[in-house]
Amino acid sequence: MTRHIELIWKKLDHLRRMQVYLTYSLQQSSVLMPIVCWDDLTQENHETLAAFRVRFSDFQEHLGKTMRAVAIEEEQRTEPFTAVLLYMEKLEIIESAQTWKELRELRNAINHEYEENPERLARFFQELVYATPRLFDWHQRLSAFCHRNYGGQGN
């Protein structure tokens, strides 16, 4: 096994661990949905939502880096990142590059608009809750691709 494939397995294992924490945050955040009145949320609720936001962002970021590593291993273009997304779409790991970009835009919006517009923020959190299983599905598909193509190592 090459060092680069070992790196991919490490990234996938890290994603697996991250998924455990994101799953927990998703469960904790889901019970708060829909957010009707921010004033009704406790400090603990705000901490829960903040952790969910960060974990979602980190998971998507790390998933993107792992997809890039696979594209490198497969000798595909990696710049711009859209080339990686189009390759992942071709492999049927993601449904579409556009869907990935929409989730990325949502992630960026919630990070930049945090606590500025309560109604919009509530909608963003609801969308993150709905989007999280999609990230998990993409992670599973990427893992399956690696198992098929790089042997049974890793998670």
Protein backbone atom coordinates (compact mmCIF):
# COMPACT_ATOMS: atom_id res chain seq x y z
CA MET A 1 0.00 0.00 0.00
CA THR A 2 1.36 3.40 -0.95
CA ARG A 3 1.80 6.19 1.57
CA HIS A 4 -0.87 8.20 -0.21
CA ILE A 5 -3.43 5.40 0.11
CA GLU A 6 -2.51 5.10 3.80
CA LEU A 7 -3.24 8.82 4.09
CA ILE A 8 -6.65 8.32 2.47
CA TRP A 9 -7.46 5.56 4.98
CA LYS A 10 -6.44 7.84 7.84
CA LYS A 11 -8.68 10.59 6.48
CA LEU A 12 -11.60 8.16 6.18
CA ASP A 13 -11.04 6.94 9.73
CA HIS A 14 -10.97 10.53 10.96
CA LEU A 15 -14.25 11.17 9.12
CA ARG A 16 -15.76 8.11 10.79
CA ARG A 17 -14.87 9.52 14.22
CA MET A 18 -16.13 12.97 13.23
CA GLN A 19 -19.41 11.41 12.12
CA VAL A 20 -20.00 10.07 15.64
CA TYR A 21 -19.78 13.58 17.08
CA LEU A 22 -21.81 15.14 14.28
CA THR A 23 -24.50 12.48 14.75
CA TYR A 24 -24.71 13.40 18.43
CA SER A 25 -24.96 17.11 17.60
CA LEU A 26 -27.59 16.36 14.95
CA GLN A 27 -29.70 14.46 17.48
CA GLN A 28 -29.38 17.26 20.04
CA SER A 29 -30.19 19.96 17.48
CA SER A 30 -33.07 18.13 15.83
CA VAL A 31 -35.19 18.31 18.97
CA LEU A 32 -34.89 22.11 18.88
CA MET A 33 -36.38 22.32 15.37
CA PRO A 34 -38.16 24.27 14.20
CA ILE A 35 -36.75 27.26 16.02
CA VAL A 36 -39.68 29.60 16.41
CA CYS A 37 -38.39 32.03 19.02
CA TRP A 38 -34.69 32.47 19.74
CA ASP A 39 -35.56 34.04 23.09
CA ASP A 40 -36.97 30.69 24.23
CA LEU A 41 -33.63 28.94 23.71
CA THR A 42 -31.40 28.37 26.72
CA GLN A 43 -27.66 28.96 26.81
CA GLU A 44 -27.28 25.19 26.55
CA ASN A 45 -29.44 25.20 23.41
CA HIS A 46 -27.24 27.88 21.88
CA GLU A 47 -24.15 25.81 22.72
CA THR A 48 -25.77 22.78 21.11
CA LEU A 49 -26.49 24.70 17.92
CA ALA A 50 -23.00 26.20 17.85
CA ALA A 51 -21.43 22.74 18.22
CA PHE A 52 -23.66 21.40 15.46
CA ARG A 53 -22.73 24.26 13.13
CA VAL A 54 -19.01 23.75 13.71
CA ARG A 55 -19.17 19.96 13.41
CA PHE A 56 -21.18 20.15 10.19
CA SER A 57 -18.67 22.63 8.73
CA ASP A 58 -15.68 20.57 9.81
CA PHE A 59 -17.17 17.35 8.48
CA GLN A 60 -17.90 18.83 5.06
CA GLU A 61 -14.44 20.41 4.93
CA HIS A 62 -12.71 17.15 5.79
CA LEU A 63 -14.90 15.19 3.38
CA GLY A 64 -13.84 17.58 0.62
CA LYS A 65 -10.17 17.10 1.49
CA THR A 66 -10.61 13.33 1.40
CA MET A 67 -12.33 13.52 -1.99
CA ARG A 68 -9.40 15.61 -3.24
CA ALA A 69 -6.96 12.97 -1.94
CA VAL A 70 -8.87 10.27 -3.85
CA ALA A 71 -8.83 12.40 -7.01
CA ILE A 72 -5.05 12.79 -6.65
CA GLU A 73 -4.66 9.02 -6.22
CA GLU A 74 -6.77 8.51 -9.33
CA GLU A 75 -4.60 11.02 -11.23
CA GLN A 76 -7.48 13.43 -11.79
CA ARG A 77 -7.40 17.22 -11.89
CA THR A 78 -7.84 18.81 -8.49
CA GLU A 79 -7.85 22.49 -9.42
CA PRO A 80 -10.26 24.11 -9.36
CA PHE A 81 -12.10 22.11 -6.69
CA THR A 82 -15.04 21.87 -9.10
CA ALA A 83 -12.91 19.36 -11.04
CA VAL A 84 -12.83 17.14 -7.93
CA LEU A 85 -16.58 17.54 -7.50
CA LEU A 86 -17.26 16.63 -11.12
CA TYR A 87 -15.08 13.53 -10.73
CA MET A 88 -16.97 12.57 -7.55
CA GLU A 89 -20.22 13.07 -9.44
CA LYS A 90 -18.95 10.79 -12.22
CA LEU A 91 -18.13 8.13 -9.60
CA GLU A 92 -21.64 8.61 -8.13
CA ILE A 93 -20.20 9.53 -4.75
CA ILE A 94 -22.12 12.80 -4.79
CA GLU A 95 -25.33 13.47 -6.70
CA SER A 96 -24.04 16.66 -8.27
CA ALA A 97 -21.35 19.27 -7.95
CA GLN A 98 -24.14 21.82 -7.65
CA THR A 99 -25.61 20.10 -4.58
CA TRP A 100 -22.19 20.10 -2.90
CA LYS A 101 -21.80 23.80 -3.67
CA GLU A 102 -25.26 24.57 -2.29
CA LEU A 103 -24.38 22.87 1.00
CA ARG A 104 -21.10 24.75 1.03
CA GLU A 105 -22.96 28.04 0.50
CA LEU A 106 -25.36 27.15 3.31
CA ARG A 107 -22.43 26.36 5.57
CA ASN A 108 -20.74 29.65 4.69
CA ALA A 109 -23.97 31.60 5.16
CA ILE A 110 -24.62 30.21 8.61
CA ASN A 111 -21.03 30.91 9.64
CA HIS A 112 -21.17 34.52 8.42
CA GLU A 113 -24.73 35.36 9.45
CA TYR A 114 -24.54 33.80 12.88
CA GLU A 115 -26.95 35.59 15.23
CA GLU A 116 -27.64 38.49 12.85
CA ASN A 117 -31.03 37.55 11.41
CA PRO A 118 -32.98 35.16 13.69
CA GLU A 119 -35.53 34.03 11.09
CA ARG A 120 -32.93 33.37 8.45
CA LEU A 121 -30.67 31.65 10.96
CA ALA A 122 -33.52 29.37 12.08
CA ARG A 123 -34.09 28.40 8.44
CA PHE A 124 -30.35 27.76 7.96
CA PHE A 125 -30.23 25.43 10.97
CA GLN A 126 -33.28 23.54 9.72
CA GLU A 127 -31.55 23.10 6.35
CA LEU A 128 -28.36 21.86 8.06
CA VAL A 129 -30.41 19.26 9.93
CA TYR A 130 -31.90 18.07 6.62
CA ALA A 131 -28.51 18.12 4.86
CA THR A 132 -26.50 16.15 7.42
CA PRO A 133 -27.70 12.68 6.30
CA ARG A 134 -26.61 13.58 2.77
CA LEU A 135 -23.06 14.25 4.01
CA PHE A 136 -23.12 10.90 5.81
CA ASP A 137 -24.27 9.19 2.60
CA TRP A 138 -21.44 10.78 0.62
CA HIS A 139 -18.95 9.65 3.26
CA GLN A 140 -20.30 6.10 3.04
CA ARG A 141 -20.10 6.13 -0.77
CA LEU A 142 -16.53 7.45 -0.67
CA SER A 143 -15.57 4.76 1.85
CA ALA A 144 -17.16 2.07 -0.33
CA PHE A 145 -15.24 3.34 -3.36
CA CYS A 146 -11.98 3.14 -1.42
CA HIS A 147 -12.73 -0.38 -0.16
CA ARG A 148 -13.43 -1.53 -3.71
CA ASN A 149 -10.41 0.15 -5.26
CA TYR A 150 -7.74 0.24 -2.55
CA GLY A 151 -8.38 -3.04 -0.78
CA GLY A 152 -10.06 -3.86 2.49
CA GLN A 153 -7.86 -1.68 4.68
CA GLY A 154 -9.18 1.06 6.88
CA ASN A 155 -12.66 1.37 8.39
